[in-house]
Amino acid sequence: MKSTEKRINIITGQLEGIKKMIDEGKDPLSVLTQFKAARSALDSCMSSYINEHFWQILESCDDKEATCKRFLEELIIS
């Protein structure tokens, strides 16, 4: 499994590539395809991070109900 840092570096590279494509006037459909790939990678990274850290976050708080509510609100809003 890739570390969160490695995933973020890959996503950063994807975004830099998208910027370059836009700067060079590449085909908009190709750019959109790359945006979708970057979004998918970001979603995957977020899911992995949640899986790795949710219980750690929950165990370290005093008010577990409020923390769970806030966590779910953050997921729903995004």
C-alpha atoms as a PDB file:
ATOM      1  CA  MET A   1       0.000   0.000   0.000  1.00  0.00           C
ATOM      2  CA  LYS A   2       1.245   3.471  -0.870  1.00  0.00           C
ATOM      3  CA  SER A   3       1.899   5.930   1.907  1.00  0.00           C
ATOM      4  CA  THR A   4      -0.239   9.038   2.113  1.00  0.00           C
ATOM      5  CA  GLU A   5       2.784  11.194   1.340  1.00  0.00           C
ATOM      6  CA  LYS A   6       3.559   9.198  -1.800  1.00  0.00           C
ATOM      7  CA  ARG A   7      -0.064   9.435  -2.933  1.00  0.00           C
ATOM      8  CA  ILE A   8      -0.042  13.209  -2.421  1.00  0.00           C
ATOM      9  CA  ASN A   9       3.163  13.494  -4.442  1.00  0.00           C
ATOM     10  CA  ILE A  10       1.542  11.566  -7.280  1.00  0.00           C
ATOM     11  CA  ILE A  11      -1.549  13.787  -7.158  1.00  0.00           C
ATOM     12  CA  THR A  12       0.634  16.892  -7.131  1.00  0.00           C
ATOM     13  CA  GLY A  13       2.385  15.597 -10.236  1.00  0.00           C
ATOM     14  CA  GLN A  14      -0.955  14.965 -11.908  1.00  0.00           C
ATOM     15  CA  LEU A  15      -2.097  18.519 -11.152  1.00  0.00           C
ATOM     16  CA  GLU A  16       1.164  19.965 -12.465  1.00  0.00           C
ATOM     17  CA  GLY A  17       0.643  17.920 -15.625  1.00  0.00           C
ATOM     18  CA  ILE A  18      -2.881  19.280 -15.982  1.00  0.00           C
ATOM     19  CA  LYS A  19      -1.622  22.837 -15.596  1.00  0.00           C
ATOM     20  CA  LYS A  20       0.976  22.199 -18.291  1.00  0.00           C
ATOM     21  CA  MET A  21      -1.667  20.741 -20.604  1.00  0.00           C
ATOM     22  CA  ILE A  22      -3.836  23.833 -20.127  1.00  0.00           C
ATOM     23  CA  ASP A  23      -0.869  26.166 -20.657  1.00  0.00           C
ATOM     24  CA  GLU A  24      -0.034  24.340 -23.891  1.00  0.00           C
ATOM     25  CA  GLY A  25      -3.635  24.487 -25.114  1.00  0.00           C
ATOM     26  CA  LYS A  26      -4.119  20.714 -25.219  1.00  0.00           C
ATOM     27  CA  ASP A  27      -7.430  19.144 -26.169  1.00  0.00           C
ATOM     28  CA  PRO A  28     -10.021  20.045 -23.496  1.00  0.00           C
ATOM     29  CA  LEU A  29     -11.394  16.500 -23.389  1.00  0.00           C
ATOM     30  CA  SER A  30      -7.926  15.175 -22.614  1.00  0.00           C
ATOM     31  CA  VAL A  31      -7.585  17.772 -19.861  1.00  0.00           C
ATOM     32  CA  LEU A  32     -10.946  16.745 -18.388  1.00  0.00           C
ATOM     33  CA  THR A  33      -9.862  13.107 -18.436  1.00  0.00           C
ATOM     34  CA  GLN A  34      -6.797  14.052 -16.413  1.00  0.00           C
ATOM     35  CA  PHE A  35      -8.920  16.076 -13.975  1.00  0.00           C
ATOM     36  CA  LYS A  36     -11.077  12.990 -13.426  1.00  0.00           C
ATOM     37  CA  ALA A  37      -7.990  10.849 -12.823  1.00  0.00           C
ATOM     38  CA  ALA A  38      -6.636  13.364 -10.301  1.00  0.00           C
ATOM     39  CA  ARG A  39      -9.993  13.546  -8.520  1.00  0.00           C
ATOM     40  CA  SER A  40     -10.132   9.757  -8.351  1.00  0.00           C
ATOM     41  CA  ALA A  41      -6.611   9.628  -6.922  1.00  0.00           C
ATOM     42  CA  LEU A  42      -7.508  12.278  -4.337  1.00  0.00           C
ATOM     43  CA  ASP A  43     -10.652  10.368  -3.326  1.00  0.00           C
ATOM     44  CA  SER A  44      -8.589   7.209  -2.970  1.00  0.00           C
ATOM     45  CA  CYS A  45      -5.985   9.033  -0.886  1.00  0.00           C
ATOM     46  CA  MET A  46      -8.665  10.469   1.388  1.00  0.00           C
ATOM     47  CA  SER A  47     -10.283   7.054   1.871  1.00  0.00           C
ATOM     48  CA  SER A  48      -6.944   5.505   2.713  1.00  0.00           C
ATOM     49  CA  TYR A  49      -6.170   8.288   5.180  1.00  0.00           C
ATOM     50  CA  ILE A  50      -9.558   7.871   6.852  1.00  0.00           C
ATOM     51  CA  ASN A  51      -9.042   4.125   7.155  1.00  0.00           C
ATOM     52  CA  GLU A  52      -5.634   4.638   8.718  1.00  0.00           C
ATOM     53  CA  HIS A  53      -6.499   7.440  11.142  1.00  0.00           C
ATOM     54  CA  PHE A  54     -10.192   7.427  12.052  1.00  0.00           C
ATOM     55  CA  TRP A  55      -9.888   5.257  15.165  1.00  0.00           C
ATOM     56  CA  GLN A  56      -6.823   7.193  16.270  1.00  0.00           C
ATOM     57  CA  ILE A  57      -8.806  10.431  16.020  1.00  0.00           C
ATOM     58  CA  LEU A  58     -11.812   8.953  17.787  1.00  0.00           C
ATOM     59  CA  GLU A  59      -9.803   7.429  20.621  1.00  0.00           C
ATOM     60  CA  SER A  60      -7.972  10.680  21.341  1.00  0.00           C
ATOM     61  CA  CYS A  61     -11.061  12.841  21.832  1.00  0.00           C
ATOM     62  CA  ASP A  62     -13.168  13.448  24.901  1.00  0.00           C
ATOM     63  CA  ASP A  63     -16.528  13.764  23.145  1.00  0.00           C
ATOM     64  CA  LYS A  64     -16.776  10.836  20.739  1.00  0.00           C
ATOM     65  CA  GLU A  65     -20.347  11.616  19.686  1.00  0.00           C
ATOM     66  CA  ALA A  66     -19.487  15.193  18.705  1.00  0.00           C
ATOM     67  CA  THR A  67     -16.356  14.026  16.909  1.00  0.00           C
ATOM     68  CA  CYS A  68     -18.289  11.407  14.921  1.00  0.00           C
ATOM     69  CA  LYS A  69     -20.933  13.987  14.020  1.00  0.00           C
ATOM     70  CA  ARG A  70     -18.285  16.486  12.885  1.00  0.00           C
ATOM     71  CA  PHE A  71     -16.451  13.779  10.932  1.00  0.00           C
ATOM     72  CA  LEU A  72     -19.593  12.718   9.092  1.00  0.00           C
ATOM     73  CA  GLU A  73     -20.507  16.343   8.353  1.00  0.00           C
ATOM     74  CA  GLU A  74     -17.066  16.869   6.828  1.00  0.00           C
ATOM     75  CA  LEU A  75     -17.504  13.809   4.622  1.00  0.00           C
ATOM     76  CA  ILE A  76     -20.981  14.803   3.512  1.00  0.00           C
ATOM     77  CA  ILE A  77     -20.046  18.425   2.802  1.00  0.00           C
ATOM     78  CA  SER A  78     -17.073  17.400   0.681  1.00  0.00           C
END
